[in-house]
C-alpha atoms as a PDB file:
ATOM      1  CA  MET A   1     -45.544 -45.817  22.952  1.00  0.00           C
ATOM      2  CA  GLY A   2     -46.761 -44.634  26.475  1.00  0.00           C
ATOM      3  CA  TYR A   3     -49.559 -44.940  28.406  1.00  0.00           C
ATOM      4  CA  PHE A   4     -51.803 -41.608  27.380  1.00  0.00           C
ATOM      5  CA  GLU A   5     -50.972 -42.860  23.692  1.00  0.00           C
ATOM      6  CA  ASP A   6     -52.351 -46.012  24.337  1.00  0.00           C
ATOM      7  CA  ILE A   7     -55.376 -44.546  25.676  1.00  0.00           C
ATOM      8  CA  GLN A   8     -55.871 -42.126  22.292  1.00  0.00           C
ATOM      9  CA  LYS A   9     -55.336 -45.034  20.348  1.00  0.00           C
ATOM     10  CA  ALA A  10     -58.351 -46.967  22.072  1.00  0.00           C
ATOM     11  CA  VAL A  11     -60.648 -44.262  22.196  1.00  0.00           C
ATOM     12  CA  ARG A  12     -60.198 -43.696  18.296  1.00  0.00           C
ATOM     13  CA  ARG A  13     -60.835 -46.755  17.831  1.00  0.00           C
ATOM     14  CA  ILE A  14     -64.645 -46.686  19.176  1.00  0.00           C
ATOM     15  CA  PRO A  15     -66.635 -46.597  16.176  1.00  0.00           C
ATOM     16  CA  PHE A  16     -69.546 -43.956  15.626  1.00  0.00           C
ATOM     17  CA  GLY A  17     -72.772 -44.452  17.345  1.00  0.00           C
ATOM     18  CA  LYS A  18     -70.983 -46.757  19.818  1.00  0.00           C
ATOM     19  CA  VAL A  19     -69.515 -46.206  23.432  1.00  0.00           C
ATOM     20  CA  ALA A  20     -67.257 -47.773  25.872  1.00  0.00           C
ATOM     21  CA  THR A  21     -66.739 -47.410  29.413  1.00  0.00           C
ATOM     22  CA  TYR A  22     -63.393 -45.806  31.145  1.00  0.00           C
ATOM     23  CA  GLY A  23     -62.741 -49.655  32.220  1.00  0.00           C
ATOM     24  CA  GLU A  24     -63.240 -50.988  28.859  1.00  0.00           C
ATOM     25  CA  ILE A  25     -60.963 -48.110  27.202  1.00  0.00           C
ATOM     26  CA  ALA A  26     -58.344 -49.161  29.868  1.00  0.00           C
ATOM     27  CA  ARG A  27     -58.593 -53.304  28.883  1.00  0.00           C
ATOM     28  CA  GLY A  28     -58.479 -52.286  25.116  1.00  0.00           C
ATOM     29  CA  ALA A  29     -55.453 -49.934  25.592  1.00  0.00           C
ATOM     30  CA  GLY A  30     -53.673 -52.907  27.649  1.00  0.00           C
ATOM     31  CA  HIS A  31     -53.979 -51.374  30.780  1.00  0.00           C
ATOM     32  CA  PRO A  32     -56.545 -53.211  32.422  1.00  0.00           C
ATOM     33  CA  GLY A  33     -57.686 -52.191  36.176  1.00  0.00           C
ATOM     34  CA  THR A  34     -56.901 -48.532  35.097  1.00  0.00           C
ATOM     35  CA  ALA A  35     -60.273 -47.119  34.646  1.00  0.00           C
ATOM     36  CA  ARG A  36     -59.679 -43.725  36.947  1.00  0.00           C
ATOM     37  CA  GLN A  37     -56.449 -43.010  35.159  1.00  0.00           C
ATOM     38  CA  VAL A  38     -58.285 -43.223  31.944  1.00  0.00           C
ATOM     39  CA  ALA A  39     -60.438 -40.236  32.878  1.00  0.00           C
ATOM     40  CA  TRP A  40     -57.837 -38.759  34.482  1.00  0.00           C
ATOM     41  CA  ALA A  41     -55.891 -38.950  31.040  1.00  0.00           C
ATOM     42  CA  LEU A  42     -58.425 -37.706  28.867  1.00  0.00           C
ATOM     43  CA  ARG A  43     -58.952 -34.777  30.793  1.00  0.00           C
ATOM     44  CA  ASP A  44     -55.224 -33.789  29.947  1.00  0.00           C
ATOM     45  CA  MET A  45     -55.849 -34.394  26.388  1.00  0.00           C
ATOM     46  CA  THR A  46     -58.316 -31.691  25.531  1.00  0.00           C
ATOM     47  CA  ALA A  47     -56.229 -29.992  22.803  1.00  0.00           C
ATOM     48  CA  ILE A  48     -56.355 -33.630  21.003  1.00  0.00           C
ATOM     49  CA  GLU A  49     -59.242 -34.569  18.675  1.00  0.00           C
ATOM     50  CA  LEU A  50     -60.428 -37.596  19.933  1.00  0.00           C
ATOM     51  CA  PRO A  51     -64.345 -38.577  20.252  1.00  0.00           C
ATOM     52  CA  TRP A  52     -64.120 -38.110  24.025  1.00  0.00           C
ATOM     53  CA  GLN A  53     -68.019 -38.228  24.110  1.00  0.00           C
ATOM     54  CA  ARG A  54     -67.907 -41.875  23.619  1.00  0.00           C
ATOM     55  CA  VAL A  55     -66.598 -42.765  26.466  1.00  0.00           C
ATOM     56  CA  LEU A  56     -68.589 -43.304  29.655  1.00  0.00           C
ATOM     57  CA  GLY A  57     -68.739 -44.056  33.181  1.00  0.00           C
ATOM     58  CA  HIS A  58     -69.891 -47.659  34.339  1.00  0.00           C
ATOM     59  CA  GLY A  59     -73.372 -48.999  33.011  1.00  0.00           C
ATOM     60  CA  GLY A  60     -73.206 -46.089  30.501  1.00  0.00           C
ATOM     61  CA  ARG A  61     -73.571 -42.901  32.895  1.00  0.00           C
ATOM     62  CA  ILE A  62     -72.237 -39.474  31.963  1.00  0.00           C
ATOM     63  CA  LEU A  63     -69.892 -38.802  34.679  1.00  0.00           C
ATOM     64  CA  LEU A  64     -69.236 -34.821  33.432  1.00  0.00           C
ATOM     65  CA  GLN A  65     -71.459 -32.556  35.648  1.00  0.00           C
ATOM     66  CA  GLY A  66     -73.606 -29.163  34.216  1.00  0.00           C
ATOM     67  CA  GLU A  67     -73.069 -28.009  30.688  1.00  0.00           C
ATOM     68  CA  SER A  68     -69.851 -30.282  30.030  1.00  0.00           C
ATOM     69  CA  GLY A  69     -72.301 -33.400  30.659  1.00  0.00           C
ATOM     70  CA  ARG A  70     -75.426 -31.907  28.687  1.00  0.00           C
ATOM     71  CA  HIS A  71     -73.027 -31.101  25.937  1.00  0.00           C
ATOM     72  CA  GLN A  72     -71.824 -34.870  26.040  1.00  0.00           C
ATOM     73  CA  ARG A  73     -75.158 -36.174  25.626  1.00  0.00           C
ATOM     74  CA  GLN A  74     -75.870 -34.200  22.904  1.00  0.00           C
ATOM     75  CA  LEU A  75     -72.930 -35.119  20.785  1.00  0.00           C
ATOM     76  CA  LEU A  76     -74.122 -38.780  21.544  1.00  0.00           C
ATOM     77  CA  GLU A  77     -77.955 -38.225  20.323  1.00  0.00           C
ATOM     78  CA  GLN A  78     -76.286 -36.812  17.411  1.00  0.00           C
ATOM     79  CA  GLU A  79     -74.727 -40.055  16.917  1.00  0.00           C
ATOM     80  CA  GLY A  80     -78.114 -41.804  17.090  1.00  0.00           C
ATOM     81  CA  ILE A  81     -77.035 -43.343  20.397  1.00  0.00           C
ATOM     82  CA  ALA A  82     -80.510 -43.768  22.535  1.00  0.00           C
ATOM     83  CA  PHE A  83     -80.654 -43.252  26.432  1.00  0.00           C
ATOM     84  CA  ILE A  84     -82.729 -45.076  28.899  1.00  0.00           C
ATOM     85  CA  GLY A  85     -83.317 -42.252  31.402  1.00  0.00           C
ATOM     86  CA  LEU A  86     -79.686 -40.830  32.276  1.00  0.00           C
ATOM     87  CA  ARG A  87     -77.650 -43.494  30.793  1.00  0.00           C
ATOM     88  CA  VAL A  88     -76.720 -45.200  27.298  1.00  0.00           C
ATOM     89  CA  ASP A  89     -78.594 -48.044  26.284  1.00  0.00           C
ATOM     90  CA  MET A  90     -75.606 -50.228  26.814  1.00  0.00           C
ATOM     91  CA  LYS A  91     -77.218 -53.081  25.081  1.00  0.00           C
ATOM     92  CA  ARG A  92     -77.514 -51.480  21.690  1.00  0.00           C
ATOM     93  CA  HIS A  93     -74.712 -49.209  21.675  1.00  0.00           C
ATOM     94  CA  GLU A  94     -71.682 -50.704  23.672  1.00  0.00           C
ATOM     95  CA  PHE A  95     -68.291 -51.172  22.270  1.00  0.00           C
ATOM     96  CA  ARG A  96     -65.884 -53.900  23.287  1.00  0.00           C
ATOM     97  CA  PHE A  97     -62.585 -54.581  22.200  1.00  0.00           C
ATOM     98  CA  ALA A  98     -60.736 -57.584  21.170  1.00  0.00           C
ATOM     99  CA  ARG A  99     -58.936 -59.254  23.913  1.00  0.00           C
ATOM    100  CA  ALA A 100     -55.468 -56.959  24.193  1.00  0.00           C
ATOM    101  CA  LYS A 101     -52.193 -58.127  25.727  1.00  0.00           C
ATOM    102  CA  ARG A 102     -51.163 -56.281  28.952  1.00  0.00           C
ATOM    103  CA  LYS A 103     -48.554 -53.578  28.511  1.00  0.00           C
ATOM    104  CA  GLU A 104     -45.531 -53.941  30.276  1.00  0.00           C
END
């Protein structure tokens, strides 16, 4: 399985009502330290149905700008995800993956 497939699989594992950071997705996919690449990988997967809205920047920040960021927040709020200001309440909604082995 390749990097993009690993990322897709990890994103699909985030439960409804939970969120994960780009860094957590990288760790959960077995590629720790590749948070920036996760963002790049997701950008290229627009045709694939993934719960992309559940993936956030460090500390629960929505990193998308403008209408895309507002849409992401709306989708998260529809899942019952609470915000504190501009950030998701990570104490209530953060999803952590079990420790995955690093991919070679």
